[in-house]
Amino acid sequence: MIAVSRFAVRCHNNVCRYVARTLATQTDGEVRIASVLKDKFPQATSLKVVDISGGCGAMYEIHIESEEFKGKRPVQQHQLVNQALKDEIQAMHGLRIFTGVPGE
């Protein structure tokens, strides 16, 4: 997958700014996390994993929609994602999770 533009947050001396990553392919971490999530949530209709740490793999943002989340509260949906990524999370500084059920 090739993205036209992505933004990463870079901080130096407590000053943070958004830095565009243009025409970048997915990082190894993005590919690895997406692969784990595809295996754990085979009914996912939408999945997007973005390294928001500037490519170093310290922080990711995940957007996933799957029928497996139907009937579950958002906190339960996030717990499922956290459980699926328990090994990967150990090496991360932060993780943003956005979940949903297709069509809702």
N, C-alpha and C. Protein backbone atom coordinates (compact mmCIF):
# COMPACT_ATOMS: atom_id res chain seq x y z
N MET A 1 0.84 -1.17 0.00
CA MET A 1 0.00 0.00 0.00
C MET A 1 0.88 1.23 0.00
N ILE A 2 0.58 2.18 -0.84
CA ILE A 2 1.33 3.43 -0.89
C ILE A 2 0.41 4.55 -0.45
N ALA A 3 0.88 5.35 0.47
CA ALA A 3 0.10 6.48 0.97
C ALA A 3 0.60 7.75 0.30
N VAL A 4 -0.33 8.61 -0.06
CA VAL A 4 0.05 9.88 -0.66
C VAL A 4 0.70 10.77 0.39
N SER A 5 0.10 10.79 1.57
CA SER A 5 0.74 11.53 2.66
C SER A 5 0.30 10.95 3.99
N ARG A 6 1.20 10.96 4.91
CA ARG A 6 0.95 10.56 6.29
C ARG A 6 1.63 11.57 7.17
N PHE A 7 1.15 11.68 8.37
CA PHE A 7 1.75 12.63 9.28
C PHE A 7 2.29 11.91 10.50
N ALA A 8 3.42 12.33 10.93
CA ALA A 8 4.03 11.80 12.15
C ALA A 8 4.27 12.98 13.08
N VAL A 9 4.31 12.71 14.35
CA VAL A 9 4.60 13.74 15.32
C VAL A 9 6.06 13.59 15.72
N ARG A 10 6.80 14.67 15.61
CA ARG A 10 8.20 14.66 16.03
C ARG A 10 8.35 15.73 17.11
N CYS A 11 9.03 15.38 18.17
CA CYS A 11 9.22 16.30 19.28
C CYS A 11 10.71 16.50 19.54
N HIS A 12 11.08 17.75 19.84
CA HIS A 12 12.44 18.09 20.19
C HIS A 12 12.38 19.24 21.18
N ASN A 13 13.02 19.09 22.32
CA ASN A 13 13.00 20.12 23.37
C ASN A 13 11.59 20.56 23.72
N ASN A 14 10.70 19.59 23.89
CA ASN A 14 9.30 19.81 24.26
C ASN A 14 8.50 20.60 23.23
N VAL A 15 9.00 20.68 21.99
CA VAL A 15 8.25 21.32 20.91
C VAL A 15 7.90 20.21 19.92
N CYS A 16 6.60 19.99 19.74
CA CYS A 16 6.14 18.93 18.84
C CYS A 16 5.57 19.54 17.57
N ARG A 17 5.81 18.87 16.47
CA ARG A 17 5.25 19.34 15.20
C ARG A 17 4.91 18.13 14.34
N TYR A 18 3.99 18.34 13.42
CA TYR A 18 3.62 17.29 12.49
C TYR A 18 4.57 17.32 11.31
N VAL A 19 5.05 16.16 10.94
CA VAL A 19 5.97 16.03 9.81
C VAL A 19 5.31 15.11 8.79
N ALA A 20 5.23 15.55 7.57
CA ALA A 20 4.60 14.73 6.52
C ALA A 20 5.56 13.67 6.03
N ARG A 21 5.05 12.46 5.89
CA ARG A 21 5.76 11.36 5.23
C ARG A 21 5.05 11.17 3.91
N THR A 22 5.63 11.62 2.85
CA THR A 22 4.93 11.56 1.56
C THR A 22 5.45 10.41 0.72
N LEU A 23 4.53 9.81 -0.03
CA LEU A 23 4.82 8.71 -0.93
C LEU A 23 5.63 7.61 -0.25
N ALA A 24 5.31 7.36 1.00
CA ALA A 24 6.03 6.33 1.76
C ALA A 24 5.28 5.01 1.68
N THR A 25 6.04 3.94 1.62
CA THR A 25 5.42 2.63 1.72
C THR A 25 5.27 2.31 3.20
N GLN A 26 4.56 1.23 3.48
CA GLN A 26 4.35 0.86 4.88
C GLN A 26 5.67 0.46 5.53
N THR A 27 5.79 0.79 6.81
CA THR A 27 6.97 0.39 7.56
C THR A 27 6.84 -1.10 7.91
N ASP A 28 7.93 -1.71 8.30
CA ASP A 28 7.90 -3.12 8.71
C ASP A 28 6.94 -3.33 9.87
N GLY A 29 6.93 -2.39 10.81
CA GLY A 29 6.04 -2.50 11.96
C GLY A 29 4.57 -2.43 11.55
N GLU A 30 4.24 -1.55 10.63
CA GLU A 30 2.86 -1.44 10.14
C GLU A 30 2.43 -2.74 9.49
N VAL A 31 3.30 -3.32 8.68
CA VAL A 31 2.99 -4.57 8.00
C VAL A 31 2.81 -5.70 9.01
N ARG A 32 3.71 -5.78 9.99
CA ARG A 32 3.64 -6.84 11.00
C ARG A 32 2.35 -6.75 11.83
N ILE A 33 2.01 -5.55 12.28
CA ILE A 33 0.80 -5.36 13.09
C ILE A 33 -0.44 -5.66 12.26
N ALA A 34 -0.48 -5.19 11.01
CA ALA A 34 -1.62 -5.46 10.14
C ALA A 34 -1.79 -6.95 9.92
N SER A 35 -0.69 -7.67 9.77
CA SER A 35 -0.75 -9.11 9.56
C SER A 35 -1.33 -9.82 10.78
N VAL A 36 -0.90 -9.44 11.96
CA VAL A 36 -1.44 -10.03 13.20
C VAL A 36 -2.93 -9.77 13.30
N LEU A 37 -3.33 -8.54 13.03
CA LEU A 37 -4.75 -8.18 13.15
C LEU A 37 -5.61 -8.90 12.10
N LYS A 38 -5.08 -9.07 10.89
CA LYS A 38 -5.82 -9.81 9.86
C LYS A 38 -6.04 -11.25 10.28
N ASP A 39 -5.02 -11.85 10.91
CA ASP A 39 -5.15 -13.23 11.40
C ASP A 39 -6.15 -13.33 12.54
N LYS A 40 -6.12 -12.38 13.47
CA LYS A 40 -6.99 -12.42 14.66
C LYS A 40 -8.42 -11.99 14.36
N PHE A 41 -8.59 -11.15 13.35
CA PHE A 41 -9.92 -10.63 12.99
C PHE A 41 -10.19 -10.88 11.51
N PRO A 42 -10.43 -12.14 11.13
CA PRO A 42 -10.61 -12.47 9.71
C PRO A 42 -11.84 -11.81 9.08
N GLN A 43 -12.79 -11.37 9.90
CA GLN A 43 -13.99 -10.72 9.36
C GLN A 43 -13.82 -9.21 9.22
N ALA A 44 -12.64 -8.71 9.46
CA ALA A 44 -12.40 -7.26 9.36
C ALA A 44 -12.65 -6.78 7.93
N THR A 45 -13.46 -5.75 7.81
CA THR A 45 -13.75 -5.18 6.49
C THR A 45 -12.89 -3.94 6.22
N SER A 46 -12.31 -3.38 7.28
CA SER A 46 -11.48 -2.20 7.14
C SER A 46 -10.36 -2.29 8.17
N LEU A 47 -9.13 -2.06 7.73
CA LEU A 47 -7.98 -2.11 8.63
C LEU A 47 -6.94 -1.12 8.15
N LYS A 48 -6.52 -0.25 9.05
CA LYS A 48 -5.48 0.73 8.73
C LYS A 48 -4.54 0.81 9.93
N VAL A 49 -3.26 0.63 9.70
CA VAL A 49 -2.24 0.73 10.74
C VAL A 49 -1.25 1.80 10.30
N VAL A 50 -1.02 2.79 11.14
CA VAL A 50 -0.11 3.88 10.81
C VAL A 50 0.89 4.08 11.95
N ASP A 51 2.17 4.09 11.60
CA ASP A 51 3.23 4.41 12.56
C ASP A 51 3.23 5.93 12.71
N ILE A 52 2.80 6.41 13.87
CA ILE A 52 2.72 7.86 14.08
C ILE A 52 3.92 8.38 14.87
N SER A 53 4.97 7.56 14.94
CA SER A 53 6.17 7.96 15.67
C SER A 53 7.28 8.42 14.71
N GLY A 54 6.94 8.58 13.47
CA GLY A 54 7.95 9.02 12.51
C GLY A 54 8.73 7.88 11.90
N GLY A 55 8.23 6.66 12.06
CA GLY A 55 8.88 5.51 11.45
C GLY A 55 9.73 4.68 12.39
N CYS A 56 9.84 5.10 13.65
CA CYS A 56 10.70 4.33 14.57
C CYS A 56 9.96 3.19 15.27
N GLY A 57 8.64 3.12 15.12
CA GLY A 57 7.88 2.01 15.68
C GLY A 57 7.50 2.15 17.13
N ALA A 58 7.60 3.35 17.68
CA ALA A 58 7.29 3.55 19.09
C ALA A 58 5.81 3.78 19.35
N MET A 59 5.07 4.26 18.34
CA MET A 59 3.66 4.57 18.55
C MET A 59 2.89 4.34 17.25
N TYR A 60 1.73 3.69 17.40
CA TYR A 60 0.90 3.35 16.24
C TYR A 60 -0.53 3.82 16.45
N GLU A 61 -1.22 4.02 15.33
CA GLU A 61 -2.64 4.29 15.34
C GLU A 61 -3.30 3.20 14.50
N ILE A 62 -4.34 2.59 15.06
CA ILE A 62 -5.03 1.48 14.40
C ILE A 62 -6.50 1.83 14.24
N HIS A 63 -7.00 1.65 13.03
CA HIS A 63 -8.43 1.78 12.73
C HIS A 63 -8.87 0.42 12.20
N ILE A 64 -9.85 -0.19 12.87
CA ILE A 64 -10.31 -1.51 12.43
C ILE A 64 -11.81 -1.62 12.62
N GLU A 65 -12.49 -2.13 11.59
CA GLU A 65 -13.91 -2.44 11.65
C GLU A 65 -14.07 -3.92 11.39
N SER A 66 -14.84 -4.59 12.26
CA SER A 66 -15.01 -6.03 12.11
C SER A 66 -16.33 -6.47 12.74
N GLU A 67 -16.93 -7.49 12.14
CA GLU A 67 -18.15 -8.09 12.68
C GLU A 67 -17.89 -8.73 14.04
N GLU A 68 -16.63 -9.09 14.31
CA GLU A 68 -16.29 -9.69 15.62
C GLU A 68 -16.57 -8.73 16.77
N PHE A 69 -16.71 -7.44 16.48
CA PHE A 69 -16.96 -6.45 17.52
C PHE A 69 -18.45 -6.25 17.81
N LYS A 70 -19.30 -6.85 16.99
CA LYS A 70 -20.75 -6.65 17.12
C LYS A 70 -21.22 -7.09 18.51
N GLY A 71 -22.01 -6.23 19.15
CA GLY A 71 -22.56 -6.52 20.47
C GLY A 71 -21.61 -6.24 21.62
N LYS A 72 -20.41 -5.74 21.31
CA LYS A 72 -19.43 -5.45 22.35
C LYS A 72 -19.29 -3.93 22.51
N ARG A 73 -19.09 -3.53 23.75
CA ARG A 73 -18.85 -2.11 24.02
C ARG A 73 -17.47 -1.73 23.50
N PRO A 74 -17.23 -0.44 23.24
CA PRO A 74 -15.92 -0.01 22.73
C PRO A 74 -14.75 -0.48 23.60
N VAL A 75 -14.89 -0.45 24.91
CA VAL A 75 -13.79 -0.89 25.76
C VAL A 75 -13.51 -2.38 25.55
N GLN A 76 -14.53 -3.17 25.32
CA GLN A 76 -14.34 -4.60 25.05
C GLN A 76 -13.67 -4.81 23.69
N GLN A 77 -14.06 -4.00 22.71
CA GLN A 77 -13.44 -4.07 21.39
C GLN A 77 -11.95 -3.76 21.49
N HIS A 78 -11.61 -2.73 22.26
CA HIS A 78 -10.21 -2.34 22.42
C HIS A 78 -9.43 -3.41 23.17
N GLN A 79 -10.07 -4.06 24.13
CA GLN A 79 -9.41 -5.15 24.85
C GLN A 79 -9.07 -6.30 23.91
N LEU A 80 -9.97 -6.59 22.96
CA LEU A 80 -9.69 -7.64 21.98
C LEU A 80 -8.47 -7.30 21.13
N VAL A 81 -8.37 -6.04 20.71
CA VAL A 81 -7.23 -5.61 19.91
C VAL A 81 -5.95 -5.67 20.75
N ASN A 82 -6.03 -5.18 21.97
CA ASN A 82 -4.86 -5.24 22.86
C ASN A 82 -4.40 -6.67 23.07
N GLN A 83 -5.33 -7.58 23.28
CA GLN A 83 -4.99 -8.99 23.48
C GLN A 83 -4.32 -9.57 22.23
N ALA A 84 -4.85 -9.22 21.07
CA ALA A 84 -4.29 -9.72 19.81
C ALA A 84 -2.85 -9.23 19.62
N LEU A 85 -2.56 -8.04 20.12
CA LEU A 85 -1.24 -7.42 19.92
C LEU A 85 -0.36 -7.46 21.16
N LYS A 86 -0.67 -8.36 22.11
CA LYS A 86 0.04 -8.34 23.39
C LYS A 86 1.56 -8.44 23.24
N ASP A 87 2.05 -9.22 22.31
CA ASP A 87 3.51 -9.33 22.12
C ASP A 87 4.10 -8.06 21.51
N GLU A 88 3.40 -7.48 20.53
CA GLU A 88 3.89 -6.27 19.86
C GLU A 88 3.84 -5.05 20.77
N ILE A 89 2.84 -4.98 21.64
CA ILE A 89 2.65 -3.82 22.51
C ILE A 89 3.83 -3.63 23.47
N GLN A 90 4.48 -4.70 23.84
CA GLN A 90 5.59 -4.61 24.79
C GLN A 90 6.71 -3.69 24.30
N ALA A 91 6.88 -3.58 23.00
CA ALA A 91 7.94 -2.75 22.44
C ALA A 91 7.47 -1.34 22.08
N MET A 92 6.20 -1.03 22.33
CA MET A 92 5.65 0.27 21.93
C MET A 92 5.65 1.27 23.08
N HIS A 93 5.66 2.52 22.71
CA HIS A 93 5.52 3.61 23.67
C HIS A 93 4.04 3.96 23.84
N GLY A 94 3.27 3.85 22.76
CA GLY A 94 1.86 4.19 22.80
C GLY A 94 1.09 3.58 21.65
N LEU A 95 -0.23 3.52 21.84
CA LEU A 95 -1.10 2.91 20.84
C LEU A 95 -2.46 3.59 20.88
N ARG A 96 -2.91 4.06 19.74
CA ARG A 96 -4.27 4.62 19.60
C ARG A 96 -5.10 3.60 18.85
N ILE A 97 -6.27 3.27 19.41
CA ILE A 97 -7.13 2.25 18.80
C ILE A 97 -8.49 2.85 18.51
N PHE A 98 -8.95 2.67 17.28
CA PHE A 98 -10.28 3.10 16.85
C PHE A 98 -10.96 1.86 16.28
N THR A 99 -12.05 1.42 16.89
CA THR A 99 -12.74 0.20 16.45
C THR A 99 -14.18 0.51 16.09
N GLY A 100 -14.78 -0.41 15.36
CA GLY A 100 -16.19 -0.27 15.00
C GLY A 100 -16.70 -1.50 14.31
N VAL A 101 -18.02 -1.50 14.14
CA VAL A 101 -18.71 -2.58 13.43
C VAL A 101 -19.07 -2.01 12.06
N PRO A 102 -18.82 -2.74 10.97
CA PRO A 102 -19.16 -2.24 9.64
C PRO A 102 -20.64 -1.84 9.54
N GLY A 103 -20.87 -0.68 8.97
CA GLY A 103 -22.22 -0.20 8.75
C GLY A 103 -22.85 0.49 9.95
N GLU A 104 -22.16 0.57 11.05
CA GLU A 104 -22.73 1.26 12.22
C GLU A 104 -22.10 2.61 12.41
